[in-house]
Amino acid sequence: MSSRQSPMTVQCPTCDKPVAWTPEAKFKPFCSERCKLIDLGEWAAEEKRIAGEPLPPTANEHEENY
């Protein structure tokens, strides 16, 4: 009987490839730097959002315009 267990595997959020959750998996949960950057670009382009109530129009009035 072995005390070593297989590492947990997750699906890459971008391409669905399996990714072993190990210290060697440099870009986890992504399979590669490419998939990581694709995901970052989608957030930056506001294609992805966290669900929630919209802020009221006066929420940012305390910020100064420079």
N, C-alpha and C. Protein backbone atom coordinates (compact mmCIF):
# COMPACT_ATOMS: atom_id res chain seq x y z
N MET A 1 0.85 -1.18 0.00
CA MET A 1 0.00 0.00 0.00
C MET A 1 0.89 1.25 0.00
N SER A 2 0.67 2.15 -0.93
CA SER A 2 1.49 3.35 -1.07
C SER A 2 0.87 4.52 -0.30
N SER A 3 1.73 5.31 0.34
CA SER A 3 1.24 6.49 1.06
C SER A 3 1.15 7.71 0.14
N ARG A 4 1.69 7.59 -1.07
CA ARG A 4 1.62 8.69 -2.04
C ARG A 4 0.29 8.64 -2.76
N GLN A 5 -0.34 9.79 -2.84
CA GLN A 5 -1.59 9.89 -3.57
C GLN A 5 -1.36 10.69 -4.84
N SER A 6 -2.19 10.46 -5.82
CA SER A 6 -2.11 11.25 -7.05
C SER A 6 -2.49 12.69 -6.73
N PRO A 7 -1.83 13.67 -7.38
CA PRO A 7 -2.20 15.07 -7.13
C PRO A 7 -3.61 15.35 -7.64
N MET A 8 -4.24 16.30 -7.01
CA MET A 8 -5.55 16.75 -7.46
C MET A 8 -5.41 17.31 -8.88
N THR A 9 -6.40 17.08 -9.70
CA THR A 9 -6.40 17.61 -11.06
C THR A 9 -7.58 18.55 -11.22
N VAL A 10 -7.33 19.71 -11.84
CA VAL A 10 -8.38 20.68 -12.13
C VAL A 10 -8.38 20.93 -13.64
N GLN A 11 -9.45 21.51 -14.13
CA GLN A 11 -9.55 21.85 -15.54
C GLN A 11 -9.08 23.29 -15.74
N CYS A 12 -8.28 23.53 -16.75
CA CYS A 12 -7.85 24.88 -17.10
C CYS A 12 -9.11 25.71 -17.40
N PRO A 13 -9.27 26.87 -16.75
CA PRO A 13 -10.47 27.68 -16.98
C PRO A 13 -10.61 28.19 -18.43
N THR A 14 -9.51 28.23 -19.16
CA THR A 14 -9.55 28.75 -20.53
C THR A 14 -9.79 27.67 -21.57
N CYS A 15 -9.06 26.55 -21.48
CA CYS A 15 -9.14 25.53 -22.54
C CYS A 15 -9.63 24.17 -22.06
N ASP A 16 -9.87 24.02 -20.78
CA ASP A 16 -10.38 22.77 -20.18
C ASP A 16 -9.39 21.62 -20.17
N LYS A 17 -8.11 21.85 -20.45
CA LYS A 17 -7.12 20.78 -20.32
C LYS A 17 -6.94 20.45 -18.84
N PRO A 18 -6.67 19.20 -18.50
CA PRO A 18 -6.43 18.86 -17.11
C PRO A 18 -5.09 19.41 -16.63
N VAL A 19 -5.07 19.94 -15.40
CA VAL A 19 -3.86 20.50 -14.81
C VAL A 19 -3.67 19.85 -13.45
N ALA A 20 -2.52 19.20 -13.25
CA ALA A 20 -2.21 18.61 -11.95
C ALA A 20 -1.87 19.73 -10.97
N TRP A 21 -2.48 19.72 -9.80
CA TRP A 21 -2.26 20.77 -8.79
C TRP A 21 -1.01 20.42 -8.00
N THR A 22 0.13 20.76 -8.57
CA THR A 22 1.43 20.46 -7.97
C THR A 22 2.29 21.72 -7.99
N PRO A 23 3.36 21.74 -7.18
CA PRO A 23 4.26 22.91 -7.21
C PRO A 23 4.89 23.13 -8.59
N GLU A 24 5.01 22.07 -9.37
CA GLU A 24 5.62 22.19 -10.70
C GLU A 24 4.67 22.85 -11.71
N ALA A 25 3.39 22.87 -11.43
CA ALA A 25 2.41 23.48 -12.33
C ALA A 25 2.49 25.00 -12.14
N LYS A 26 3.38 25.60 -12.88
CA LYS A 26 3.74 27.01 -12.72
C LYS A 26 2.57 27.99 -12.90
N PHE A 27 1.62 27.67 -13.76
CA PHE A 27 0.54 28.62 -14.08
C PHE A 27 -0.81 28.20 -13.54
N LYS A 28 -0.84 27.25 -12.60
CA LYS A 28 -2.12 26.74 -12.09
C LYS A 28 -3.01 27.85 -11.61
N PRO A 29 -4.27 27.82 -11.84
CA PRO A 29 -5.06 26.73 -12.38
C PRO A 29 -5.02 26.65 -13.90
N PHE A 30 -4.24 27.48 -14.55
CA PHE A 30 -4.14 27.46 -16.01
C PHE A 30 -3.09 26.44 -16.44
N CYS A 31 -3.23 25.93 -17.66
CA CYS A 31 -2.27 24.94 -18.15
C CYS A 31 -1.00 25.59 -18.70
N SER A 32 -1.09 26.88 -19.05
CA SER A 32 0.05 27.55 -19.67
C SER A 32 -0.04 29.06 -19.44
N GLU A 33 1.06 29.73 -19.72
CA GLU A 33 1.06 31.19 -19.64
C GLU A 33 0.08 31.78 -20.65
N ARG A 34 -0.01 31.16 -21.82
CA ARG A 34 -0.94 31.64 -22.86
C ARG A 34 -2.37 31.67 -22.33
N CYS A 35 -2.81 30.57 -21.72
CA CYS A 35 -4.18 30.52 -21.19
C CYS A 35 -4.37 31.54 -20.06
N LYS A 36 -3.34 31.72 -19.25
CA LYS A 36 -3.41 32.70 -18.16
C LYS A 36 -3.60 34.12 -18.74
N LEU A 37 -2.85 34.44 -19.79
CA LEU A 37 -2.94 35.78 -20.39
C LEU A 37 -4.25 35.99 -21.13
N ILE A 38 -4.79 34.95 -21.73
CA ILE A 38 -6.10 35.06 -22.37
C ILE A 38 -7.14 35.43 -21.33
N ASP A 39 -7.12 34.75 -20.18
CA ASP A 39 -8.06 35.03 -19.10
C ASP A 39 -7.89 36.45 -18.58
N LEU A 40 -6.66 36.87 -18.37
CA LEU A 40 -6.40 38.23 -17.89
C LEU A 40 -6.94 39.26 -18.88
N GLY A 41 -6.75 39.03 -20.16
CA GLY A 41 -7.25 39.94 -21.18
C GLY A 41 -8.77 40.04 -21.16
N GLU A 42 -9.45 38.92 -20.90
CA GLU A 42 -10.91 38.95 -20.83
C GLU A 42 -11.38 39.79 -19.64
N TRP A 43 -10.69 39.69 -18.52
CA TRP A 43 -11.05 40.53 -17.36
C TRP A 43 -10.77 42.00 -17.66
N ALA A 44 -9.61 42.28 -18.28
CA ALA A 44 -9.25 43.67 -18.59
C ALA A 44 -10.21 44.31 -19.59
N ALA A 45 -10.73 43.51 -20.51
CA ALA A 45 -11.69 44.02 -21.50
C ALA A 45 -13.11 44.02 -20.95
N GLU A 46 -13.26 43.69 -19.69
CA GLU A 46 -14.55 43.63 -19.00
C GLU A 46 -15.51 42.64 -19.65
N GLU A 47 -14.95 41.57 -20.25
CA GLU A 47 -15.77 40.49 -20.78
C GLU A 47 -16.23 39.57 -19.65
N LYS A 48 -15.49 39.58 -18.55
CA LYS A 48 -15.83 38.80 -17.36
C LYS A 48 -16.10 39.76 -16.22
N ARG A 49 -17.03 39.38 -15.36
CA ARG A 49 -17.38 40.22 -14.21
C ARG A 49 -17.77 39.33 -13.05
N ILE A 50 -17.65 39.86 -11.85
CA ILE A 50 -18.17 39.19 -10.66
C ILE A 50 -19.57 39.73 -10.44
N ALA A 51 -20.51 38.82 -10.30
CA ALA A 51 -21.92 39.22 -10.15
C ALA A 51 -22.11 40.04 -8.88
N GLY A 52 -22.99 40.99 -8.94
CA GLY A 52 -23.31 41.83 -7.79
C GLY A 52 -24.18 42.98 -8.21
N GLU A 53 -24.59 43.72 -7.22
CA GLU A 53 -25.42 44.90 -7.48
C GLU A 53 -24.55 46.01 -8.06
N PRO A 54 -25.06 46.75 -9.03
CA PRO A 54 -24.30 47.88 -9.56
C PRO A 54 -24.14 48.96 -8.50
N LEU A 55 -23.03 49.69 -8.57
CA LEU A 55 -22.80 50.80 -7.65
C LEU A 55 -23.72 51.96 -7.99
N PRO A 56 -24.15 52.70 -6.99
CA PRO A 56 -24.95 53.89 -7.29
C PRO A 56 -24.11 54.92 -8.05
N PRO A 57 -24.73 55.78 -8.83
CA PRO A 57 -23.98 56.74 -9.64
C PRO A 57 -23.06 57.66 -8.83
N THR A 58 -23.36 57.88 -7.56
CA THR A 58 -22.55 58.78 -6.73
C THR A 58 -21.46 58.04 -5.96
N ALA A 59 -21.24 56.76 -6.20
CA ALA A 59 -20.29 55.96 -5.43
C ALA A 59 -18.86 56.46 -5.53
N ASN A 60 -18.49 57.02 -6.66
CA ASN A 60 -17.09 57.46 -6.85
C ASN A 60 -16.93 58.98 -6.79
N GLU A 61 -17.89 59.70 -6.26
CA GLU A 61 -17.81 61.17 -6.24
C GLU A 61 -16.68 61.69 -5.37
N HIS A 62 -16.24 60.92 -4.39
CA HIS A 62 -15.17 61.39 -3.51
C HIS A 62 -13.83 61.38 -4.20
N GLU A 63 -13.68 60.68 -5.35
CA GLU A 63 -12.42 60.67 -6.08
C GLU A 63 -12.26 61.98 -6.86
N GLU A 64 -11.05 62.48 -6.86
CA GLU A 64 -10.79 63.71 -7.58
C GLU A 64 -10.38 63.39 -9.02
N ASN A 65 -10.75 64.25 -9.94
CA ASN A 65 -10.31 64.10 -11.32
C ASN A 65 -9.03 64.87 -11.50
N TYR A 66 -8.04 64.25 -12.05
CA TYR A 66 -6.74 64.91 -12.27
C TYR A 66 -6.54 65.24 -13.70
